[in-house]
Amino acid sequence: MTSPSHRDMIVFLDPAAVLAEMKRVCAPGGRVAVIDTEASPDAAKAAEFNRMEKLRDHSHVRVMPLTELKGLFAPAGLPAPRVSGYRLESDPESLLARSFPLPGDADKPAA
């Protein structure tokens, strides 16, 4: 049995607790899979990315840098994660147009 999370860690207030719960409910020998967005290790870039994501999706809490996300595994009793990725680029205006911002938030991307 696999215990998956697909782009969900960004909406949890306590992602470490969620990861521990994923391990708890996973069958012995199963896998925990986390597929998520990675924030820049640069704090200013990460803050701006998170600001934009909150405009796009009001349930957004925070995207973590990869090193922070990877650091949640050992305390949860999980082995170091295997990491792979791909790059997905979009401009803020078209991303907001395809999303579900709160009223008035679609006008704020360049703020």
PDB file of N, CA and C in Angstrom:
ATOM      1  N   MET A   1       0.841  -1.180   0.000  1.00  0.00           N
ATOM      2  CA  MET A   1       0.000   0.000   0.000  1.00  0.00           C
ATOM      3  C   MET A   1       0.885   1.242   0.000  1.00  0.00           C
ATOM      4  N   THR A   2       0.516   2.192  -0.785  1.00  0.00           N
ATOM      5  CA  THR A   2       1.226   3.463  -0.829  1.00  0.00           C
ATOM      6  C   THR A   2       0.374   4.517  -0.145  1.00  0.00           C
ATOM      7  N   SER A   3       1.034   5.386   0.593  1.00  0.00           N
ATOM      8  CA  SER A   3       0.352   6.512   1.225  1.00  0.00           C
ATOM      9  C   SER A   3       0.804   7.767   0.489  1.00  0.00           C
ATOM     10  N   PRO A   4       0.011   8.253  -0.478  1.00  0.00           N
ATOM     11  CA  PRO A   4       0.468   9.360  -1.315  1.00  0.00           C
ATOM     12  C   PRO A   4      -0.006  10.739  -0.851  1.00  0.00           C
ATOM     13  N   SER A   5       0.765  11.727  -1.219  1.00  0.00           N
ATOM     14  CA  SER A   5       0.368  13.129  -1.086  1.00  0.00           C
ATOM     15  C   SER A   5       0.793  13.809  -2.371  1.00  0.00           C
ATOM     16  N   HIS A   6      -0.153  14.363  -3.105  1.00  0.00           N
ATOM     17  CA  HIS A   6       0.154  15.036  -4.363  1.00  0.00           C
ATOM     18  C   HIS A   6      -0.154  16.516  -4.242  1.00  0.00           C
ATOM     19  N   ARG A   7       0.895  17.299  -4.124  1.00  0.00           N
ATOM     20  CA  ARG A   7       0.804  18.758  -3.994  1.00  0.00           C
ATOM     21  C   ARG A   7      -0.096  19.176  -2.843  1.00  0.00           C
ATOM     22  N   ASP A   8      -0.045  18.414  -1.776  1.00  0.00           N
ATOM     23  CA  ASP A   8      -0.879  18.703  -0.616  1.00  0.00           C
ATOM     24  C   ASP A   8      -0.114  19.306   0.545  1.00  0.00           C
ATOM     25  N   MET A   9       1.173  19.081   0.635  1.00  0.00           N
ATOM     26  CA  MET A   9       1.921  19.575   1.790  1.00  0.00           C
ATOM     27  C   MET A   9       1.790  21.095   1.907  1.00  0.00           C
ATOM     28  N   ILE A  10       1.500  21.755   0.809  1.00  0.00           N
ATOM     29  CA  ILE A  10       1.394  23.222   0.816  1.00  0.00           C
ATOM     30  C   ILE A  10       0.151  23.738   1.510  1.00  0.00           C
ATOM     31  N   VAL A  11      -0.820  22.863   1.798  1.00  0.00           N
ATOM     32  CA  VAL A  11      -2.053  23.312   2.432  1.00  0.00           C
ATOM     33  C   VAL A  11      -2.164  22.870   3.889  1.00  0.00           C
ATOM     34  N   PHE A  12      -1.187  22.157   4.393  1.00  0.00           N
ATOM     35  CA  PHE A  12      -1.229  21.681   5.775  1.00  0.00           C
ATOM     36  C   PHE A  12      -0.475  22.632   6.693  1.00  0.00           C
ATOM     37  N   LEU A  13      -1.076  22.926   7.837  1.00  0.00           N
ATOM     38  CA  LEU A  13      -0.414  23.786   8.817  1.00  0.00           C
ATOM     39  C   LEU A  13       0.759  23.074   9.470  1.00  0.00           C
ATOM     40  N   ASP A  14       0.689  21.750   9.589  1.00  0.00           N
ATOM     41  CA  ASP A  14       1.745  20.971  10.236  1.00  0.00           C
ATOM     42  C   ASP A  14       2.148  19.807   9.331  1.00  0.00           C
ATOM     43  N   PRO A  15       2.945  20.079   8.290  1.00  0.00           N
ATOM     44  CA  PRO A  15       3.308  19.013   7.356  1.00  0.00           C
ATOM     45  C   PRO A  15       4.088  17.880   8.008  1.00  0.00           C
ATOM     46  N   ALA A  16       4.819  18.157   9.077  1.00  0.00           N
ATOM     47  CA  ALA A  16       5.551  17.081   9.762  1.00  0.00           C
ATOM     48  C   ALA A  16       4.571  16.072  10.357  1.00  0.00           C
ATOM     49  N   ALA A  17       3.490  16.555  10.957  1.00  0.00           N
ATOM     50  CA  ALA A  17       2.475  15.659  11.524  1.00  0.00           C
ATOM     51  C   ALA A  17       1.778  14.858  10.424  1.00  0.00           C
ATOM     52  N   VAL A  18       1.548  15.484   9.289  1.00  0.00           N
ATOM     53  CA  VAL A  18       0.914  14.790   8.171  1.00  0.00           C
ATOM     54  C   VAL A  18       1.818  13.675   7.665  1.00  0.00           C
ATOM     55  N   LEU A  19       3.098  13.941   7.533  1.00  0.00           N
ATOM     56  CA  LEU A  19       4.041  12.930   7.071  1.00  0.00           C
ATOM     57  C   LEU A  19       4.108  11.767   8.059  1.00  0.00           C
ATOM     58  N   ALA A  20       4.113  12.065   9.353  1.00  0.00           N
ATOM     59  CA  ALA A  20       4.113  11.001  10.368  1.00  0.00           C
ATOM     60  C   ALA A  20       2.837  10.161  10.274  1.00  0.00           C
ATOM     61  N   GLU A  21       1.708  10.804  10.022  1.00  0.00           N
ATOM     62  CA  GLU A  21       0.447  10.072   9.872  1.00  0.00           C
ATOM     63  C   GLU A  21       0.450   9.227   8.604  1.00  0.00           C
ATOM     64  N   MET A  22       1.056   9.732   7.538  1.00  0.00           N
ATOM     65  CA  MET A  22       1.173   8.942   6.314  1.00  0.00           C
ATOM     66  C   MET A  22       1.963   7.677   6.584  1.00  0.00           C
ATOM     67  N   LYS A  23       3.035   7.796   7.361  1.00  0.00           N
ATOM     68  CA  LYS A  23       3.823   6.614   7.716  1.00  0.00           C
ATOM     69  C   LYS A  23       3.001   5.659   8.572  1.00  0.00           C
ATOM     70  N   ARG A  24       2.245   6.185   9.514  1.00  0.00           N
ATOM     71  CA  ARG A  24       1.470   5.346  10.421  1.00  0.00           C
ATOM     72  C   ARG A  24       0.443   4.503   9.670  1.00  0.00           C
ATOM     73  N   VAL A  25      -0.233   5.079   8.690  1.00  0.00           N
ATOM     74  CA  VAL A  25      -1.287   4.354   7.987  1.00  0.00           C
ATOM     75  C   VAL A  25      -0.770   3.507   6.829  1.00  0.00           C
ATOM     76  N   CYS A  26       0.477   3.639   6.498  1.00  0.00           N
ATOM     77  CA  CYS A  26       1.063   2.871   5.402  1.00  0.00           C
ATOM     78  C   CYS A  26       1.326   1.433   5.860  1.00  0.00           C
ATOM     79  N   ALA A  27       0.951   0.481   5.036  1.00  0.00           N
ATOM     80  CA  ALA A  27       1.173  -0.931   5.360  1.00  0.00           C
ATOM     81  C   ALA A  27       2.666  -1.221   5.470  1.00  0.00           C
ATOM     82  N   PRO A  28       3.048  -2.198   6.295  1.00  0.00           N
ATOM     83  CA  PRO A  28       4.462  -2.583   6.369  1.00  0.00           C
ATOM     84  C   PRO A  28       5.004  -2.902   4.971  1.00  0.00           C
ATOM     85  N   GLY A  29       6.145  -2.334   4.665  1.00  0.00           N
ATOM     86  CA  GLY A  29       6.741  -2.527   3.344  1.00  0.00           C
ATOM     87  C   GLY A  29       6.172  -1.605   2.281  1.00  0.00           C
ATOM     88  N   GLY A  30       5.179  -0.795   2.648  1.00  0.00           N
ATOM     89  CA  GLY A  30       4.578   0.143   1.700  1.00  0.00           C
ATOM     90  C   GLY A  30       5.467   1.355   1.484  1.00  0.00           C
ATOM     91  N   ARG A  31       4.987   2.277   0.723  1.00  0.00           N
ATOM     92  CA  ARG A  31       5.752   3.484   0.398  1.00  0.00           C
ATOM     93  C   ARG A  31       4.945   4.724   0.722  1.00  0.00           C
ATOM     94  N   VAL A  32       5.643   5.752   1.139  1.00  0.00           N
ATOM     95  CA  VAL A  32       5.069   7.069   1.324  1.00  0.00           C
ATOM     96  C   VAL A  32       5.569   7.913   0.156  1.00  0.00           C
ATOM     97  N   ALA A  33       4.647   8.483  -0.592  1.00  0.00           N
ATOM     98  CA  ALA A  33       5.008   9.302  -1.752  1.00  0.00           C
ATOM     99  C   ALA A  33       4.524  10.724  -1.541  1.00  0.00           C
ATOM    100  N   VAL A  34       5.436  11.676  -1.680  1.00  0.00           N
ATOM    101  CA  VAL A  34       5.094  13.091  -1.587  1.00  0.00           C
ATOM    102  C   VAL A  34       5.498  13.737  -2.904  1.00  0.00           C
ATOM    103  N   ILE A  35       4.520  14.253  -3.613  1.00  0.00           N
ATOM    104  CA  ILE A  35       4.770  14.960  -4.867  1.00  0.00           C
ATOM    105  C   ILE A  35       4.341  16.396  -4.618  1.00  0.00           C
ATOM    106  N   ASP A  36       5.289  17.311  -4.619  1.00  0.00           N
ATOM    107  CA  ASP A  36       4.950  18.672  -4.217  1.00  0.00           C
ATOM    108  C   ASP A  36       5.787  19.688  -4.966  1.00  0.00           C
ATOM    109  N   THR A  37       5.429  20.923  -4.787  1.00  0.00           N
ATOM    110  CA  THR A  37       6.144  22.051  -5.363  1.00  0.00           C
ATOM    111  C   THR A  37       7.319  22.397  -4.462  1.00  0.00           C
ATOM    112  N   GLU A  38       8.396  22.872  -5.059  1.00  0.00           N
ATOM    113  CA  GLU A  38       9.605  23.241  -4.306  1.00  0.00           C
ATOM    114  C   GLU A  38       9.784  24.751  -4.337  1.00  0.00           C
ATOM    115  N   ALA A  39       9.962  25.332  -3.158  1.00  0.00           N
ATOM    116  CA  ALA A  39      10.248  26.766  -3.070  1.00  0.00           C
ATOM    117  C   ALA A  39      11.747  27.003  -3.259  1.00  0.00           C
ATOM    118  N   SER A  40      12.076  28.192  -3.673  1.00  0.00           N
ATOM    119  CA  SER A  40      13.477  28.586  -3.796  1.00  0.00           C
ATOM    120  C   SER A  40      14.142  28.582  -2.421  1.00  0.00           C
ATOM    121  N   PRO A  41      15.416  28.224  -2.349  1.00  0.00           N
ATOM    122  CA  PRO A  41      16.129  28.353  -1.079  1.00  0.00           C
ATOM    123  C   PRO A  41      16.367  29.818  -0.694  1.00  0.00           C
ATOM    124  N   ASP A  42      16.211  30.724  -1.658  1.00  0.00           N
ATOM    125  CA  ASP A  42      16.328  32.156  -1.396  1.00  0.00           C
ATOM    126  C   ASP A  42      15.043  32.619  -0.709  1.00  0.00           C
ATOM    127  N   ALA A  43      15.154  33.110   0.512  1.00  0.00           N
ATOM    128  CA  ALA A  43      13.976  33.459   1.320  1.00  0.00           C
ATOM    129  C   ALA A  43      13.080  34.495   0.648  1.00  0.00           C
ATOM    130  N   ALA A  44      13.661  35.488  -0.013  1.00  0.00           N
ATOM    131  CA  ALA A  44      12.854  36.522  -0.676  1.00  0.00           C
ATOM    132  C   ALA A  44      12.074  35.942  -1.850  1.00  0.00           C
ATOM    133  N   LYS A  45      12.720  35.089  -2.639  1.00  0.00           N
ATOM    134  CA  LYS A  45      12.033  34.456  -3.765  1.00  0.00           C
ATOM    135  C   LYS A  45      10.939  33.520  -3.264  1.00  0.00           C
ATOM    136  N   ALA A  46      11.226  32.774  -2.212  1.00  0.00           N
ATOM    137  CA  ALA A  46      10.223  31.861  -1.651  1.00  0.00           C
ATOM    138  C   ALA A  46       9.021  32.641  -1.124  1.00  0.00           C
ATOM    139  N   ALA A  47       9.260  33.762  -0.466  1.00  0.00           N
ATOM    140  CA  ALA A  47       8.171  34.575   0.073  1.00  0.00           C
ATOM    141  C   ALA A  47       7.296  35.120  -1.055  1.00  0.00           C
ATOM    142  N   GLU A  48       7.903  35.562  -2.136  1.00  0.00           N
ATOM    143  CA  GLU A  48       7.138  36.080  -3.267  1.00  0.00           C
ATOM    144  C   GLU A  48       6.342  34.960  -3.940  1.00  0.00           C
ATOM    145  N   PHE A  49       6.960  33.791  -4.080  1.00  0.00           N
ATOM    146  CA  PHE A  49       6.243  32.654  -4.664  1.00  0.00           C
ATOM    147  C   PHE A  49       5.030  32.297  -3.801  1.00  0.00           C
ATOM    148  N   ASN A  50       5.218  32.252  -2.490  1.00  0.00           N
ATOM    149  CA  ASN A  50       4.112  31.930  -1.592  1.00  0.00           C
ATOM    150  C   ASN A  50       3.029  33.008  -1.620  1.00  0.00           C
ATOM    151  N   ARG A  51       3.423  34.266  -1.762  1.00  0.00           N
ATOM    152  CA  ARG A  51       2.436  35.351  -1.883  1.00  0.00           C
ATOM    153  C   ARG A  51       1.564  35.128  -3.111  1.00  0.00           C
ATOM    154  N   MET A  52       2.205  34.802  -4.226  1.00  0.00           N
ATOM    155  CA  MET A  52       1.461  34.561  -5.464  1.00  0.00           C
ATOM    156  C   MET A  52       0.559  33.331  -5.329  1.00  0.00           C
ATOM    157  N   GLU A  53       1.055  32.287  -4.714  1.00  0.00           N
ATOM    158  CA  GLU A  53       0.252  31.076  -4.552  1.00  0.00           C
ATOM    159  C   GLU A  53      -0.974  31.335  -3.686  1.00  0.00           C
ATOM    160  N   LYS A  54      -0.849  32.180  -2.679  1.00  0.00           N
ATOM    161  CA  LYS A  54      -2.000  32.505  -1.826  1.00  0.00           C
ATOM    162  C   LYS A  54      -3.053  33.289  -2.596  1.00  0.00           C
ATOM    163  N   LEU A  55      -2.625  34.067  -3.588  1.00  0.00           N
ATOM    164  CA  LEU A  55      -3.586  34.753  -4.449  1.00  0.00           C
ATOM    165  C   LEU A  55      -4.321  33.746  -5.328  1.00  0.00           C
ATOM    166  N   ARG A  56      -3.579  32.766  -5.821  1.00  0.00           N
ATOM    167  CA  ARG A  56      -4.142  31.764  -6.726  1.00  0.00           C
ATOM    168  C   ARG A  56      -5.053  30.790  -5.994  1.00  0.00           C
ATOM    169  N   ASP A  57      -4.668  30.425  -4.774  1.00  0.00           N
ATOM    170  CA  ASP A  57      -5.396  29.402  -4.021  1.00  0.00           C
ATOM    171  C   ASP A  57      -5.409  29.799  -2.554  1.00  0.00           C
ATOM    172  N   HIS A  58      -6.548  30.230  -2.064  1.00  0.00           N
ATOM    173  CA  HIS A  58      -6.629  30.740  -0.696  1.00  0.00           C
ATOM    174  C   HIS A  58      -6.413  29.660   0.364  1.00  0.00           C
ATOM    175  N   SER A  59      -6.399  28.373  -0.015  1.00  0.00           N
ATOM    176  CA  SER A  59      -6.093  27.318   0.959  1.00  0.00           C
ATOM    177  C   SER A  59      -4.584  27.111   1.131  1.00  0.00           C
ATOM    178  N   HIS A  60      -3.798  27.771   0.308  1.00  0.00           N
ATOM    179  CA  HIS A  60      -2.336  27.638   0.339  1.00  0.00           C
ATOM    180  C   HIS A  60      -1.784  28.112   1.679  1.00  0.00           C
ATOM    181  N   VAL A  61      -0.875  27.325   2.259  1.00  0.00           N
ATOM    182  CA  VAL A  61      -0.191  27.724   3.483  1.00  0.00           C
ATOM    183  C   VAL A  61       1.231  28.155   3.132  1.00  0.00           C
ATOM    184  N   ARG A  62       2.063  27.205   2.656  1.00  0.00           N
ATOM    185  CA  ARG A  62       3.451  27.559   2.343  1.00  0.00           C
ATOM    186  C   ARG A  62       4.128  26.427   1.587  1.00  0.00           C
ATOM    187  N   VAL A  63       4.827  26.780   0.525  1.00  0.00           N
ATOM    188  CA  VAL A  63       5.701  25.848  -0.168  1.00  0.00           C
ATOM    189  C   VAL A  63       7.053  25.912   0.535  1.00  0.00           C
ATOM    190  N   MET A  64       7.642  24.762   0.783  1.00  0.00           N
ATOM    191  CA  MET A  64       8.931  24.689   1.479  1.00  0.00           C
ATOM    192  C   MET A  64      10.078  24.497   0.491  1.00  0.00           C
ATOM    193  N   PRO A  65      11.257  24.981   0.844  1.00  0.00           N
ATOM    194  CA  PRO A  65      12.441  24.616   0.064  1.00  0.00           C
ATOM    195  C   PRO A  65      12.666  23.105   0.182  1.00  0.00           C
ATOM    196  N   LEU A  66      13.281  22.522  -0.810  1.00  0.00           N
ATOM    197  CA  LEU A  66      13.492  21.077  -0.838  1.00  0.00           C
ATOM    198  C   LEU A  66      14.230  20.573   0.402  1.00  0.00           C
ATOM    199  N   THR A  67      15.237  21.304   0.853  1.00  0.00           N
ATOM    200  CA  THR A  67      15.991  20.840   2.025  1.00  0.00           C
ATOM    201  C   THR A  67      15.093  20.758   3.260  1.00  0.00           C
ATOM    202  N   GLU A  68      14.163  21.691   3.403  1.00  0.00           N
ATOM    203  CA  GLU A  68      13.244  21.659   4.537  1.00  0.00           C
ATOM    204  C   GLU A  68      12.276  20.481   4.428  1.00  0.00           C
ATOM    205  N   LEU A  69      11.728  20.261   3.242  1.00  0.00           N
ATOM    206  CA  LEU A  69      10.814  19.137   3.036  1.00  0.00           C
ATOM    207  C   LEU A  69      11.526  17.809   3.292  1.00  0.00           C
ATOM    208  N   LYS A  70      12.729  17.654   2.752  1.00  0.00           N
ATOM    209  CA  LYS A  70      13.493  16.423   2.977  1.00  0.00           C
ATOM    210  C   LYS A  70      13.796  16.218   4.461  1.00  0.00           C
ATOM    211  N   GLY A  71      13.977  17.312   5.191  1.00  0.00           N
ATOM    212  CA  GLY A  71      14.285  17.237   6.610  1.00  0.00           C
ATOM    213  C   GLY A  71      13.133  16.732   7.470  1.00  0.00           C
ATOM    214  N   LEU A  72      11.934  16.654   6.925  1.00  0.00           N
ATOM    215  CA  LEU A  72      10.779  16.156   7.671  1.00  0.00           C
ATOM    216  C   LEU A  72      10.721  14.628   7.727  1.00  0.00           C
ATOM    217  N   PHE A  73      11.452  13.956   6.844  1.00  0.00           N
ATOM    218  CA  PHE A  73      11.337  12.508   6.725  1.00  0.00           C
ATOM    219  C   PHE A  73      11.939  11.757   7.916  1.00  0.00           C
ATOM    220  N   ALA A  74      13.157  12.054   8.294  1.00  0.00           N
ATOM    221  CA  ALA A  74      13.802  11.319   9.399  1.00  0.00           C
ATOM    222  C   ALA A  74      13.040  11.455  10.710  1.00  0.00           C
ATOM    223  N   PRO A  75      12.614  12.655  11.124  1.00  0.00           N
ATOM    224  CA  PRO A  75      11.842  12.747  12.370  1.00  0.00           C
ATOM    225  C   PRO A  75      10.525  11.964  12.336  1.00  0.00           C
ATOM    226  N   ALA A  76       9.990  11.728  11.129  1.00  0.00           N
ATOM    227  CA  ALA A  76       8.757  10.949  10.988  1.00  0.00           C
ATOM    228  C   ALA A  76       9.045   9.446  10.960  1.00  0.00           C
ATOM    229  N   GLY A  77      10.340   9.086  11.047  1.00  0.00           N
ATOM    230  CA  GLY A  77      10.703   7.672  11.018  1.00  0.00           C
ATOM    231  C   GLY A  77      10.793   7.099   9.620  1.00  0.00           C
ATOM    232  N   LEU A  78      10.981   7.958   8.641  1.00  0.00           N
ATOM    233  CA  LEU A  78      11.067   7.534   7.245  1.00  0.00           C
ATOM    234  C   LEU A  78      12.496   7.663   6.738  1.00  0.00           C
ATOM    235  N   PRO A  79      12.867   6.834   5.762  1.00  0.00           N
ATOM    236  CA  PRO A  79      14.197   6.995   5.165  1.00  0.00           C
ATOM    237  C   PRO A  79      14.265   8.276   4.345  1.00  0.00           C
ATOM    238  N   ALA A  80      15.474   8.674   4.003  1.00  0.00           N
ATOM    239  CA  ALA A  80      15.657   9.857   3.149  1.00  0.00           C
ATOM    240  C   ALA A  80      14.887   9.646   1.851  1.00  0.00           C
ATOM    241  N   PRO A  81      14.189  10.670   1.380  1.00  0.00           N
ATOM    242  CA  PRO A  81      13.385  10.495   0.166  1.00  0.00           C
ATOM    243  C   PRO A  81      14.229  10.445  -1.096  1.00  0.00           C
ATOM    244  N   ARG A  82      13.716   9.738  -2.076  1.00  0.00           N
ATOM    245  CA  ARG A  82      14.287   9.769  -3.425  1.00  0.00           C
ATOM    246  C   ARG A  82      13.660  10.969  -4.113  1.00  0.00           C
ATOM    247  N   VAL A  83      14.453  11.801  -4.734  1.00  0.00           N
ATOM    248  CA  VAL A  83      13.959  13.066  -5.289  1.00  0.00           C
ATOM    249  C   VAL A  83      14.167  13.093  -6.800  1.00  0.00           C
ATOM    250  N   SER A  84      13.122  13.484  -7.504  1.00  0.00           N
ATOM    251  CA  SER A  84      13.231  13.789  -8.929  1.00  0.00           C
ATOM    252  C   SER A  84      12.341  14.998  -9.176  1.00  0.00           C
ATOM    253  N   GLY A  85      12.481  15.616 -10.312  1.00  0.00           N
ATOM    254  CA  GLY A  85      11.683  16.809 -10.539  1.00  0.00           C
ATOM    255  C   GLY A  85      11.605  17.188 -11.991  1.00  0.00           C
ATOM    256  N   TYR A  86      10.827  18.206 -12.225  1.00  0.00           N
ATOM    257  CA  TYR A  86      10.712  18.804 -13.551  1.00  0.00           C
ATOM    258  C   TYR A  86      10.382  20.273 -13.363  1.00  0.00           C
ATOM    259  N   ARG A  87      10.624  21.064 -14.369  1.00  0.00           N
ATOM    260  CA  ARG A  87      10.393  22.503 -14.297  1.00  0.00           C
ATOM    261  C   ARG A  87       9.091  22.833 -15.024  1.00  0.00           C
ATOM    262  N   LEU A  88       8.259  23.616 -14.384  1.00  0.00           N
ATOM    263  CA  LEU A  88       7.009  24.060 -14.970  1.00  0.00           C
ATOM    264  C   LEU A  88       6.955  25.573 -14.807  1.00  0.00           C
ATOM    265  N   GLU A  89       6.958  26.294 -15.898  1.00  0.00           N
ATOM    266  CA  GLU A  89       6.974  27.748 -15.836  1.00  0.00           C
ATOM    267  C   GLU A  89       5.654  28.321 -16.343  1.00  0.00           C
ATOM    268  N   SER A  90       5.248  29.422 -15.735  1.00  0.00           N
ATOM    269  CA  SER A  90       4.034  30.118 -16.142  1.00  0.00           C
ATOM    270  C   SER A  90       4.134  31.553 -15.652  1.00  0.00           C
ATOM    271  N   ASP A  91       3.472  32.454 -16.354  1.00  0.00           N
ATOM    272  CA  ASP A  91       3.457  33.832 -15.880  1.00  0.00           C
ATOM    273  C   ASP A  91       2.295  33.996 -14.893  1.00  0.00           C
ATOM    274  N   PRO A  92       2.435  34.889 -13.914  1.00  0.00           N
ATOM    275  CA  PRO A  92       1.423  35.021 -12.858  1.00  0.00           C
ATOM    276  C   PRO A  92       0.014  35.311 -13.368  1.00  0.00           C
ATOM    277  N   GLU A  93      -0.111  36.156 -14.367  1.00  0.00           N
ATOM    278  CA  GLU A  93      -1.440  36.527 -14.841  1.00  0.00           C
ATOM    279  C   GLU A  93      -2.181  35.344 -15.448  1.00  0.00           C
ATOM    280  N   SER A  94      -1.511  34.546 -16.289  1.00  0.00           N
ATOM    281  CA  SER A  94      -2.200  33.400 -16.898  1.00  0.00           C
ATOM    282  C   SER A  94      -2.461  32.310 -15.857  1.00  0.00           C
ATOM    283  N   LEU A  95      -1.582  32.180 -14.883  1.00  0.00           N
ATOM    284  CA  LEU A  95      -1.803  31.206 -13.814  1.00  0.00           C
ATOM    285  C   LEU A  95      -3.045  31.582 -13.004  1.00  0.00           C
ATOM    286  N   LEU A  96      -3.165  32.852 -12.663  1.00  0.00           N
ATOM    287  CA  LEU A  96      -4.352  33.306 -11.927  1.00  0.00           C
ATOM    288  C   LEU A  96      -5.627  33.143 -12.756  1.00  0.00           C
ATOM    289  N   ALA A  97      -5.521  33.349 -14.059  1.00  0.00           N
ATOM    290  CA  ALA A  97      -6.695  33.214 -14.925  1.00  0.00           C
ATOM    291  C   ALA A  97      -7.205  31.779 -14.957  1.00  0.00           C
ATOM    292  N   ARG A  98      -6.322  30.799 -14.726  1.00  0.00           N
ATOM    293  CA  ARG A  98      -6.704  29.384 -14.724  1.00  0.00           C
ATOM    294  C   ARG A  98      -7.021  28.871 -13.326  1.00  0.00           C
ATOM    295  N   SER A  99      -7.015  29.743 -12.342  1.00  0.00           N
ATOM    296  CA  SER A  99      -7.168  29.341 -10.951  1.00  0.00           C
ATOM    297  C   SER A  99      -8.474  29.871 -10.378  1.00  0.00           C
ATOM    298  N   PHE A 100      -8.569  29.810  -9.075  1.00  0.00           N
ATOM    299  CA  PHE A 100      -9.787  30.223  -8.384  1.00  0.00           C
ATOM    300  C   PHE A 100      -9.466  31.218  -7.279  1.00  0.00           C
ATOM    301  N   PRO A 101      -8.965  32.401  -7.659  1.00  0.00           N
ATOM    302  CA  PRO A 101      -8.629  33.386  -6.629  1.00  0.00           C
ATOM    303  C   PRO A 101      -9.885  33.950  -5.968  1.00  0.00           C
ATOM    304  N   LEU A 102      -9.712  34.480  -4.780  1.00  0.00           N
ATOM    305  CA  LEU A 102     -10.806  35.183  -4.104  1.00  0.00           C
ATOM    306  C   LEU A 102     -11.118  36.450  -4.882  1.00  0.00           C
ATOM    307  N   PRO A 103     -12.314  36.995  -4.756  1.00  0.00           N
ATOM    308  CA  PRO A 103     -12.645  38.235  -5.465  1.00  0.00           C
ATOM    309  C   PRO A 103     -11.611  39.332  -5.196  1.00  0.00           C
ATOM    310  N   GLY A 104     -11.102  39.907  -6.271  1.00  0.00           N
ATOM    311  CA  GLY A 104     -10.120  40.986  -6.179  1.00  0.00           C
ATOM    312  C   GLY A 104      -8.671  40.520  -6.179  1.00  0.00           C
ATOM    313  N   ASP A 105      -8.393  39.246  -5.863  1.00  0.00           N
ATOM    314  CA  ASP A 105      -7.007  38.770  -5.798  1.00  0.00           C
ATOM    315  C   ASP A 105      -6.364  38.640  -7.172  1.00  0.00           C
ATOM    316  N   ALA A 106      -7.128  38.418  -8.218  1.00  0.00           N
ATOM    317  CA  ALA A 106      -6.555  38.295  -9.553  1.00  0.00           C
ATOM    318  C   ALA A 106      -5.932  39.599 -10.025  1.00  0.00           C
ATOM    319  N   ASP A 107      -6.276  40.692  -9.388  1.00  0.00           N
ATOM    320  CA  ASP A 107      -5.727  42.005  -9.766  1.00  0.00           C
ATOM    321  C   ASP A 107      -4.430  42.334  -9.024  1.00  0.00           C
ATOM    322  N   LYS A 108      -3.937  41.456  -8.186  1.00  0.00           N
ATOM    323  CA  LYS A 108      -2.796  41.752  -7.319  1.00  0.00           C
ATOM    324  C   LYS A 108      -1.468  41.112  -7.713  1.00  0.00           C
ATOM    325  N   PRO A 109      -1.304  40.418  -8.820  1.00  0.00           N
ATOM    326  CA  PRO A 109      -0.054  39.697  -9.029  1.00  0.00           C
ATOM    327  C   PRO A 109       1.200  40.546  -9.050  1.00  0.00           C
ATOM    328  N   ALA A 110       1.134  41.756  -9.566  1.00  0.00           N
ATOM    329  CA  ALA A 110       2.337  42.597  -9.649  1.00  0.00           C
ATOM    330  C   ALA A 110       2.550  43.457  -8.409  1.00  0.00           C
ATOM    331  N   ALA A 111       1.697  43.336  -7.424  1.00  0.00           N
ATOM    332  CA  ALA A 111       1.801  44.180  -6.213  1.00  0.00           C
ATOM    333  C   ALA A 111       3.097  43.959  -5.485  1.00  0.00           C
TER     334      ALA A 111
END
